[in-house]
Amino acid sequence: MVTAIGTLYLDCGNSRTKYSFAGGIGVFETLSDLKAFLIKANVPLVVIASVSIQTSAIVKLIDSMGIAKAIVQVTDGFADFSLAYPDVSLLGIDRWLAMLAALDLYPGEDLWVVDIGTALTLDYVNKHRCHQGGSISVGLKLAAITLSAKTARLPQANLVFSPELGQTTGACLNFGIVYGAIALIEQSVQKFGSTDSRVVLTGGDAALVAPHLSIGHTIEPDLVLQGLKYYWQRINVPTGDIG
């Protein structure tokens, strides 16, 4: 076992690669940035959670530098957390880690974990650590880009939200996209959650949606990375390699 002290944790998403190292959080924009960091920091171990199409390129780079790696996979029953999926290999690792982190941060509570990024995902976990299911829909920025790209006359929405109906095409797009996300979150929580559910928001666009929600919520911007570190530290506690 390679010691986890000095471990680089990678959350490789659809839009960007976030990292945690020695208590700091950052983003790698390119593979060159990652390579330079690995050299400069003399990283002994990389722990990877990835839903990115660049996964193979990232792994190839790490292997080429002779650095130890671990690629985390969804595991049903880990930390007494049971999943609703019949085939857990089909559950995104980012969703699983975000739920793990929320369970660690808010034990004994009914939780809605809402990740607002390239996709907008919702997952409901009850106080007994049982995943009840979830939702996947298009994220705000992807919706704005797609509507503009796939239509002849619609501009790209800037996602500046107003609680009033739009009176220009741009304002209508902003209202429709952002309010659609707000309504999905609020209606899902109200229909399927308990009355005292905690809503935990994460993802790149969480701060855009949060001010407009009429339900209570908490923002945890680095929830996937928190879950990744929690997972790795927990499985390494017996060896003392908790980094």
C-alpha atoms as a PDB file:
ATOM      1  CA  MET A   1       0.000   0.000   0.000  1.00  0.00           C
ATOM      2  CA  VAL A   2       1.357   3.411  -0.962  1.00  0.00           C
ATOM      3  CA  THR A   3       0.860   5.956   1.800  1.00  0.00           C
ATOM      4  CA  ALA A   4      -2.017   8.365   1.242  1.00  0.00           C
ATOM      5  CA  ILE A   5      -0.015  11.263   2.704  1.00  0.00           C
ATOM      6  CA  GLY A   6       0.465  13.647  -0.210  1.00  0.00           C
ATOM      7  CA  THR A   7      -2.218  11.895  -2.217  1.00  0.00           C
ATOM      8  CA  LEU A   8      -3.707  13.781  -5.153  1.00  0.00           C
ATOM      9  CA  TYR A   9      -7.471  13.320  -5.425  1.00  0.00           C
ATOM     10  CA  LEU A  10      -9.005  13.854  -8.876  1.00  0.00           C
ATOM     11  CA  ASP A  11     -12.672  14.483  -9.622  1.00  0.00           C
ATOM     12  CA  CYS A  12     -12.769  14.203 -13.405  1.00  0.00           C
ATOM     13  CA  GLY A  13     -16.132  15.549 -14.527  1.00  0.00           C
ATOM     14  CA  ASN A  14     -17.679  16.209 -17.903  1.00  0.00           C
ATOM     15  CA  SER A  15     -16.576  19.859 -17.979  1.00  0.00           C
ATOM     16  CA  ARG A  16     -13.455  20.054 -15.826  1.00  0.00           C
ATOM     17  CA  THR A  17     -11.069  18.162 -13.562  1.00  0.00           C
ATOM     18  CA  LYS A  18     -11.048  19.323  -9.947  1.00  0.00           C
ATOM     19  CA  TYR A  19      -8.399  18.237  -7.494  1.00  0.00           C
ATOM     20  CA  SER A  20      -7.606  18.195  -3.816  1.00  0.00           C
ATOM     21  CA  PHE A  21      -4.039  18.055  -2.591  1.00  0.00           C
ATOM     22  CA  ALA A  22      -2.529  18.848   0.807  1.00  0.00           C
ATOM     23  CA  GLY A  23      -5.686  20.636   1.898  1.00  0.00           C
ATOM     24  CA  GLY A  24      -5.965  22.779  -1.224  1.00  0.00           C
ATOM     25  CA  ILE A  25      -8.614  22.666  -3.959  1.00  0.00           C
ATOM     26  CA  GLY A  26      -8.091  23.581  -7.600  1.00  0.00           C
ATOM     27  CA  VAL A  27      -8.840  22.829 -11.242  1.00  0.00           C
ATOM     28  CA  PHE A  28      -6.681  21.360 -13.994  1.00  0.00           C
ATOM     29  CA  GLU A  29      -7.665  22.894 -17.328  1.00  0.00           C
ATOM     30  CA  THR A  30      -5.462  20.603 -19.441  1.00  0.00           C
ATOM     31  CA  LEU A  31      -3.467  17.390 -19.234  1.00  0.00           C
ATOM     32  CA  SER A  32      -0.333  19.528 -19.423  1.00  0.00           C
ATOM     33  CA  ASP A  33      -1.403  21.307 -16.246  1.00  0.00           C
ATOM     34  CA  LEU A  34      -1.874  17.958 -14.519  1.00  0.00           C
ATOM     35  CA  LYS A  35       1.522  16.698 -15.695  1.00  0.00           C
ATOM     36  CA  ALA A  36       3.302  19.818 -14.486  1.00  0.00           C
ATOM     37  CA  PHE A  37       1.623  19.526 -11.095  1.00  0.00           C
ATOM     38  CA  LEU A  38       2.531  15.851 -10.727  1.00  0.00           C
ATOM     39  CA  ILE A  39       6.176  16.684 -11.397  1.00  0.00           C
ATOM     40  CA  LYS A  40       6.359  19.775  -9.192  1.00  0.00           C
ATOM     41  CA  ALA A  41       4.538  18.254  -6.211  1.00  0.00           C
ATOM     42  CA  ASN A  42       6.271  14.869  -6.489  1.00  0.00           C
ATOM     43  CA  VAL A  43       2.911  13.143  -6.049  1.00  0.00           C
ATOM     44  CA  PRO A  44       3.226   9.500  -4.881  1.00  0.00           C
ATOM     45  CA  LEU A  45      -0.380   8.432  -5.445  1.00  0.00           C
ATOM     46  CA  VAL A  46      -3.395   9.608  -7.464  1.00  0.00           C
ATOM     47  CA  VAL A  47      -6.914   8.560  -6.465  1.00  0.00           C
ATOM     48  CA  ILE A  48      -9.326   9.030  -9.351  1.00  0.00           C
ATOM     49  CA  ALA A  49     -13.092   9.362  -9.681  1.00  0.00           C
ATOM     50  CA  SER A  50     -14.024   9.954 -13.292  1.00  0.00           C
ATOM     51  CA  VAL A  51     -17.026  10.289 -15.574  1.00  0.00           C
ATOM     52  CA  SER A  52     -14.885  12.069 -18.177  1.00  0.00           C
ATOM     53  CA  ILE A  53     -14.166  10.992 -21.733  1.00  0.00           C
ATOM     54  CA  GLN A  54     -10.546  11.869 -20.872  1.00  0.00           C
ATOM     55  CA  THR A  55     -10.253   9.099 -18.288  1.00  0.00           C
ATOM     56  CA  SER A  56      -8.014   6.897 -20.440  1.00  0.00           C
ATOM     57  CA  ALA A  57      -5.717   9.825 -21.282  1.00  0.00           C
ATOM     58  CA  ILE A  58      -5.402  10.775 -17.609  1.00  0.00           C
ATOM     59  CA  VAL A  59      -4.617   7.187 -16.610  1.00  0.00           C
ATOM     60  CA  LYS A  60      -2.105   6.847 -19.448  1.00  0.00           C
ATOM     61  CA  LEU A  61      -0.301   9.985 -18.302  1.00  0.00           C
ATOM     62  CA  ILE A  62      -0.111   8.830 -14.689  1.00  0.00           C
ATOM     63  CA  ASP A  63       1.115   5.377 -15.729  1.00  0.00           C
ATOM     64  CA  SER A  64       3.751   6.884 -18.025  1.00  0.00           C
ATOM     65  CA  MET A  65       5.194   8.783 -15.052  1.00  0.00           C
ATOM     66  CA  GLY A  66       5.363   5.666 -12.875  1.00  0.00           C
ATOM     67  CA  ILE A  67       2.974   7.071 -10.273  1.00  0.00           C
ATOM     68  CA  ALA A  68       0.697   4.747  -8.306  1.00  0.00           C
ATOM     69  CA  LYS A  69      -3.017   5.181  -8.929  1.00  0.00           C
ATOM     70  CA  ALA A  70      -6.382   3.942  -7.712  1.00  0.00           C
ATOM     71  CA  ILE A  71      -9.589   4.273  -9.719  1.00  0.00           C
ATOM     72  CA  VAL A  72     -12.606   4.309  -7.440  1.00  0.00           C
ATOM     73  CA  GLN A  73     -15.695   2.275  -8.355  1.00  0.00           C
ATOM     74  CA  VAL A  74     -19.224   2.411  -6.975  1.00  0.00           C
ATOM     75  CA  THR A  75     -19.650  -0.155  -4.198  1.00  0.00           C
ATOM     76  CA  ASP A  76     -23.087  -1.045  -2.873  1.00  0.00           C
ATOM     77  CA  GLY A  77     -23.173  -1.377   0.904  1.00  0.00           C
ATOM     78  CA  PHE A  78     -20.012   0.645   1.510  1.00  0.00           C
ATOM     79  CA  ALA A  79     -20.250   2.452   4.867  1.00  0.00           C
ATOM     80  CA  ASP A  80     -23.688   0.823   5.331  1.00  0.00           C
ATOM     81  CA  PHE A  81     -25.016   2.834   2.384  1.00  0.00           C
ATOM     82  CA  SER A  82     -27.376   0.816   0.175  1.00  0.00           C
ATOM     83  CA  LEU A  83     -28.199   1.807  -3.386  1.00  0.00           C
ATOM     84  CA  ALA A  84     -31.488   1.688  -5.268  1.00  0.00           C
ATOM     85  CA  TYR A  85     -29.897   0.695  -8.579  1.00  0.00           C
ATOM     86  CA  PRO A  86     -30.216  -3.029  -9.421  1.00  0.00           C
ATOM     87  CA  ASP A  87     -26.917  -2.696 -11.333  1.00  0.00           C
ATOM     88  CA  VAL A  88     -24.754  -0.266  -9.380  1.00  0.00           C
ATOM     89  CA  SER A  89     -22.129  -0.167 -12.147  1.00  0.00           C
ATOM     90  CA  LEU A  90     -24.575   2.072 -14.035  1.00  0.00           C
ATOM     91  CA  LEU A  91     -24.613   4.704 -11.264  1.00  0.00           C
ATOM     92  CA  GLY A  92     -22.223   7.593 -11.866  1.00  0.00           C
ATOM     93  CA  ILE A  93     -19.254   7.598  -9.501  1.00  0.00           C
ATOM     94  CA  ASP A  94     -19.727  11.341  -8.974  1.00  0.00           C
ATOM     95  CA  ARG A  95     -23.281  10.854  -7.720  1.00  0.00           C
ATOM     96  CA  TRP A  96     -22.223   8.037  -5.384  1.00  0.00           C
ATOM     97  CA  LEU A  97     -19.340   9.995  -3.885  1.00  0.00           C
ATOM     98  CA  ALA A  98     -21.481  13.098  -3.430  1.00  0.00           C
ATOM     99  CA  MET A  99     -24.027  11.025  -1.531  1.00  0.00           C
ATOM    100  CA  LEU A 100     -21.295   9.423   0.592  1.00  0.00           C
ATOM    101  CA  ALA A 101     -19.952  12.837   1.517  1.00  0.00           C
ATOM    102  CA  ALA A 102     -23.413  14.157   2.417  1.00  0.00           C
ATOM    103  CA  LEU A 103     -24.049  11.106   4.613  1.00  0.00           C
ATOM    104  CA  ASP A 104     -20.766  11.732   6.393  1.00  0.00           C
ATOM    105  CA  LEU A 105     -21.487  15.449   6.871  1.00  0.00           C
ATOM    106  CA  TYR A 106     -25.134  15.073   7.912  1.00  0.00           C
ATOM    107  CA  PRO A 107     -25.609  11.654   9.547  1.00  0.00           C
ATOM    108  CA  GLY A 108     -29.084  10.560  10.551  1.00  0.00           C
ATOM    109  CA  GLU A 109     -30.872  12.966   8.202  1.00  0.00           C
ATOM    110  CA  ASP A 110     -33.016  12.514   5.106  1.00  0.00           C
ATOM    111  CA  LEU A 111     -30.917  13.997   2.323  1.00  0.00           C
ATOM    112  CA  TRP A 112     -31.416  15.343  -1.171  1.00  0.00           C
ATOM    113  CA  VAL A 113     -28.083  15.602  -2.964  1.00  0.00           C
ATOM    114  CA  VAL A 114     -28.388  17.979  -5.906  1.00  0.00           C
ATOM    115  CA  ASP A 115     -25.461  18.363  -8.317  1.00  0.00           C
ATOM    116  CA  ILE A 116     -25.925  21.274 -10.729  1.00  0.00           C
ATOM    117  CA  GLY A 117     -23.261  20.933 -13.395  1.00  0.00           C
ATOM    118  CA  THR A 118     -23.161  19.693 -16.980  1.00  0.00           C
ATOM    119  CA  ALA A 119     -26.087  17.542 -15.910  1.00  0.00           C
ATOM    120  CA  LEU A 120     -28.553  18.332 -13.133  1.00  0.00           C
ATOM    121  CA  THR A 121     -28.809  15.297 -10.880  1.00  0.00           C
ATOM    122  CA  LEU A 122     -30.926  14.729  -7.780  1.00  0.00           C
ATOM    123  CA  ASP A 123     -30.598  11.805  -5.404  1.00  0.00           C
ATOM    124  CA  TYR A 124     -32.691  11.086  -2.319  1.00  0.00           C
ATOM    125  CA  VAL A 125     -31.143   9.158   0.585  1.00  0.00           C
ATOM    126  CA  ASN A 126     -33.228   8.501   3.675  1.00  0.00           C
ATOM    127  CA  LYS A 127     -32.034   8.677   7.282  1.00  0.00           C
ATOM    128  CA  HIS A 128     -31.463   4.907   7.248  1.00  0.00           C
ATOM    129  CA  ARG A 129     -28.721   5.356   4.597  1.00  0.00           C
ATOM    130  CA  CYS A 130     -30.875   3.869   1.847  1.00  0.00           C
ATOM    131  CA  HIS A 131     -30.810   5.456  -1.602  1.00  0.00           C
ATOM    132  CA  GLN A 132     -34.396   5.906  -2.794  1.00  0.00           C
ATOM    133  CA  GLY A 133     -33.588   6.865  -6.396  1.00  0.00           C
ATOM    134  CA  GLY A 134     -32.962  10.033  -8.320  1.00  0.00           C
ATOM    135  CA  SER A 135     -33.240  12.148 -11.429  1.00  0.00           C
ATOM    136  CA  ILE A 136     -30.937  13.171 -14.284  1.00  0.00           C
ATOM    137  CA  SER A 137     -31.665  16.102 -16.574  1.00  0.00           C
ATOM    138  CA  VAL A 138     -29.727  18.589 -18.649  1.00  0.00           C
ATOM    139  CA  GLY A 139     -27.646  21.188 -16.810  1.00  0.00           C
ATOM    140  CA  LEU A 140     -28.221  24.914 -17.195  1.00  0.00           C
ATOM    141  CA  LYS A 141     -25.232  25.829 -19.341  1.00  0.00           C
ATOM    142  CA  LEU A 142     -25.643  22.791 -21.576  1.00  0.00           C
ATOM    143  CA  ALA A 143     -29.312  23.661 -22.066  1.00  0.00           C
ATOM    144  CA  ALA A 144     -28.371  27.229 -23.024  1.00  0.00           C
ATOM    145  CA  ILE A 145     -25.695  26.076 -25.477  1.00  0.00           C
ATOM    146  CA  THR A 146     -27.885  23.387 -27.045  1.00  0.00           C
ATOM    147  CA  LEU A 147     -30.906  25.627 -27.570  1.00  0.00           C
ATOM    148  CA  SER A 148     -28.755  28.197 -29.338  1.00  0.00           C
ATOM    149  CA  ALA A 149     -26.840  25.636 -31.399  1.00  0.00           C
ATOM    150  CA  LYS A 150     -29.869  23.626 -32.498  1.00  0.00           C
ATOM    151  CA  THR A 151     -32.167  26.519 -33.426  1.00  0.00           C
ATOM    152  CA  ALA A 152     -31.897  29.180 -36.124  1.00  0.00           C
ATOM    153  CA  ARG A 153     -32.848  32.311 -34.195  1.00  0.00           C
ATOM    154  CA  LEU A 154     -32.435  31.720 -30.488  1.00  0.00           C
ATOM    155  CA  PRO A 155     -29.465  33.453 -28.843  1.00  0.00           C
ATOM    156  CA  GLN A 156     -27.446  31.760 -26.137  1.00  0.00           C
ATOM    157  CA  ALA A 157     -28.940  32.468 -22.727  1.00  0.00           C
ATOM    158  CA  ASN A 158     -26.678  34.192 -20.209  1.00  0.00           C
ATOM    159  CA  LEU A 159     -28.601  32.584 -17.312  1.00  0.00           C
ATOM    160  CA  VAL A 160     -29.167  35.865 -15.490  1.00  0.00           C
ATOM    161  CA  PHE A 161     -32.385  34.940 -13.711  1.00  0.00           C
ATOM    162  CA  SER A 162     -35.379  37.138 -12.967  1.00  0.00           C
ATOM    163  CA  PRO A 163     -38.422  35.826 -11.064  1.00  0.00           C
ATOM    164  CA  GLU A 164     -40.652  37.522 -13.638  1.00  0.00           C
ATOM    165  CA  LEU A 165     -41.715  36.115 -16.993  1.00  0.00           C
ATOM    166  CA  GLY A 166     -39.386  37.200 -19.776  1.00  0.00           C
ATOM    167  CA  GLN A 167     -40.277  40.037 -22.141  1.00  0.00           C
ATOM    168  CA  THR A 168     -37.390  39.489 -24.535  1.00  0.00           C
ATOM    169  CA  THR A 169     -36.207  36.257 -26.118  1.00  0.00           C
ATOM    170  CA  GLY A 170     -33.073  36.245 -23.950  1.00  0.00           C
ATOM    171  CA  ALA A 171     -35.070  36.858 -20.780  1.00  0.00           C
ATOM    172  CA  CYS A 172     -37.522  34.101 -21.742  1.00  0.00           C
ATOM    173  CA  LEU A 173     -34.638  31.661 -22.213  1.00  0.00           C
ATOM    174  CA  ASN A 174     -33.113  32.631 -18.881  1.00  0.00           C
ATOM    175  CA  PHE A 175     -36.424  32.213 -17.079  1.00  0.00           C
ATOM    176  CA  GLY A 176     -37.252  28.905 -18.737  1.00  0.00           C
ATOM    177  CA  ILE A 177     -33.873  27.293 -18.124  1.00  0.00           C
ATOM    178  CA  VAL A 178     -33.251  28.495 -14.576  1.00  0.00           C
ATOM    179  CA  TYR A 179     -36.843  28.269 -13.376  1.00  0.00           C
ATOM    180  CA  GLY A 180     -37.073  24.784 -14.856  1.00  0.00           C
ATOM    181  CA  ALA A 181     -34.186  23.711 -12.605  1.00  0.00           C
ATOM    182  CA  ILE A 182     -35.709  25.438  -9.578  1.00  0.00           C
ATOM    183  CA  ALA A 183     -39.095  23.804 -10.151  1.00  0.00           C
ATOM    184  CA  LEU A 184     -37.569  20.348 -10.658  1.00  0.00           C
ATOM    185  CA  ILE A 185     -35.656  20.583  -7.382  1.00  0.00           C
ATOM    186  CA  GLU A 186     -38.501  21.976  -5.316  1.00  0.00           C
ATOM    187  CA  GLN A 187     -41.209  19.716  -6.716  1.00  0.00           C
ATOM    188  CA  SER A 188     -39.053  16.592  -6.348  1.00  0.00           C
ATOM    189  CA  VAL A 189     -38.279  17.383  -2.711  1.00  0.00           C
ATOM    190  CA  GLN A 190     -41.895  18.207  -1.898  1.00  0.00           C
ATOM    191  CA  LYS A 191     -43.353  15.156  -3.639  1.00  0.00           C
ATOM    192  CA  PHE A 192     -40.839  12.445  -2.799  1.00  0.00           C
ATOM    193  CA  GLY A 193     -38.943  13.649   0.283  1.00  0.00           C
ATOM    194  CA  SER A 194     -39.801  13.904   3.944  1.00  0.00           C
ATOM    195  CA  THR A 195     -40.911  17.201   5.465  1.00  0.00           C
ATOM    196  CA  ASP A 196     -37.557  17.607   7.228  1.00  0.00           C
ATOM    197  CA  SER A 197     -35.293  16.613   4.336  1.00  0.00           C
ATOM    198  CA  ARG A 198     -31.999  18.466   4.040  1.00  0.00           C
ATOM    199  CA  VAL A 199     -31.195  19.686   0.523  1.00  0.00           C
ATOM    200  CA  VAL A 200     -27.457  19.697  -0.227  1.00  0.00           C
ATOM    201  CA  LEU A 201     -26.378  21.549  -3.359  1.00  0.00           C
ATOM    202  CA  THR A 202     -23.097  21.086  -5.193  1.00  0.00           C
ATOM    203  CA  GLY A 203     -21.721  21.574  -8.704  1.00  0.00           C
ATOM    204  CA  GLY A 204     -20.505  24.518 -10.742  1.00  0.00           C
ATOM    205  CA  ASP A 205     -23.927  26.175 -11.072  1.00  0.00           C
ATOM    206  CA  ALA A 206     -25.187  25.576  -7.527  1.00  0.00           C
ATOM    207  CA  ALA A 207     -24.559  29.204  -6.571  1.00  0.00           C
ATOM    208  CA  LEU A 208     -26.606  30.367  -9.558  1.00  0.00           C
ATOM    209  CA  VAL A 209     -29.712  28.421  -8.528  1.00  0.00           C
ATOM    210  CA  ALA A 210     -29.444  28.563  -4.723  1.00  0.00           C
ATOM    211  CA  PRO A 211     -30.601  32.184  -4.168  1.00  0.00           C
ATOM    212  CA  HIS A 212     -33.877  31.492  -5.960  1.00  0.00           C
ATOM    213  CA  LEU A 213     -34.925  28.343  -4.100  1.00  0.00           C
ATOM    214  CA  SER A 214     -37.848  28.732  -1.707  1.00  0.00           C
ATOM    215  CA  ILE A 215     -36.824  25.643   0.284  1.00  0.00           C
ATOM    216  CA  GLY A 216     -34.020  25.432   2.809  1.00  0.00           C
ATOM    217  CA  HIS A 217     -30.678  24.221   1.480  1.00  0.00           C
ATOM    218  CA  THR A 218     -26.967  23.928   2.143  1.00  0.00           C
ATOM    219  CA  ILE A 219     -24.183  24.471  -0.413  1.00  0.00           C
ATOM    220  CA  GLU A 220     -21.178  22.129  -0.362  1.00  0.00           C
ATOM    221  CA  PRO A 221     -19.132  23.142  -3.435  1.00  0.00           C
ATOM    222  CA  ASP A 222     -16.614  20.277  -3.301  1.00  0.00           C
ATOM    223  CA  LEU A 223     -18.909  17.414  -2.329  1.00  0.00           C
ATOM    224  CA  VAL A 224     -17.541  14.856  -4.817  1.00  0.00           C
ATOM    225  CA  LEU A 225     -13.960  15.485  -3.718  1.00  0.00           C
ATOM    226  CA  GLN A 226     -15.067  15.266  -0.091  1.00  0.00           C
ATOM    227  CA  GLY A 227     -16.664  11.913  -0.831  1.00  0.00           C
ATOM    228  CA  LEU A 228     -13.561  10.701  -2.648  1.00  0.00           C
ATOM    229  CA  LYS A 229     -11.326  11.576   0.299  1.00  0.00           C
ATOM    230  CA  TYR A 230     -13.800  10.061   2.761  1.00  0.00           C
ATOM    231  CA  TYR A 231     -13.884   6.796   0.775  1.00  0.00           C
ATOM    232  CA  TRP A 232     -10.113   6.540   0.464  1.00  0.00           C
ATOM    233  CA  GLN A 233      -9.404   7.406   4.075  1.00  0.00           C
ATOM    234  CA  ARG A 234     -12.035   4.965   5.313  1.00  0.00           C
ATOM    235  CA  ILE A 235     -10.676   1.991   3.385  1.00  0.00           C
ATOM    236  CA  ASN A 236      -7.134   2.812   4.528  1.00  0.00           C
ATOM    237  CA  VAL A 237      -7.834   3.314   8.233  1.00  0.00           C
ATOM    238  CA  PRO A 238      -6.721  -0.256   9.101  1.00  0.00           C
ATOM    239  CA  THR A 239      -3.268   0.442   7.609  1.00  0.00           C
ATOM    240  CA  GLY A 240      -2.918   3.887   9.100  1.00  0.00           C
ATOM    241  CA  ASP A 241      -2.515   5.419   5.628  1.00  0.00           C
ATOM    242  CA  ILE A 242      -5.194   8.063   6.022  1.00  0.00           C
ATOM    243  CA  GLY A 243      -3.346  11.076   4.463  1.00  0.00           C
END
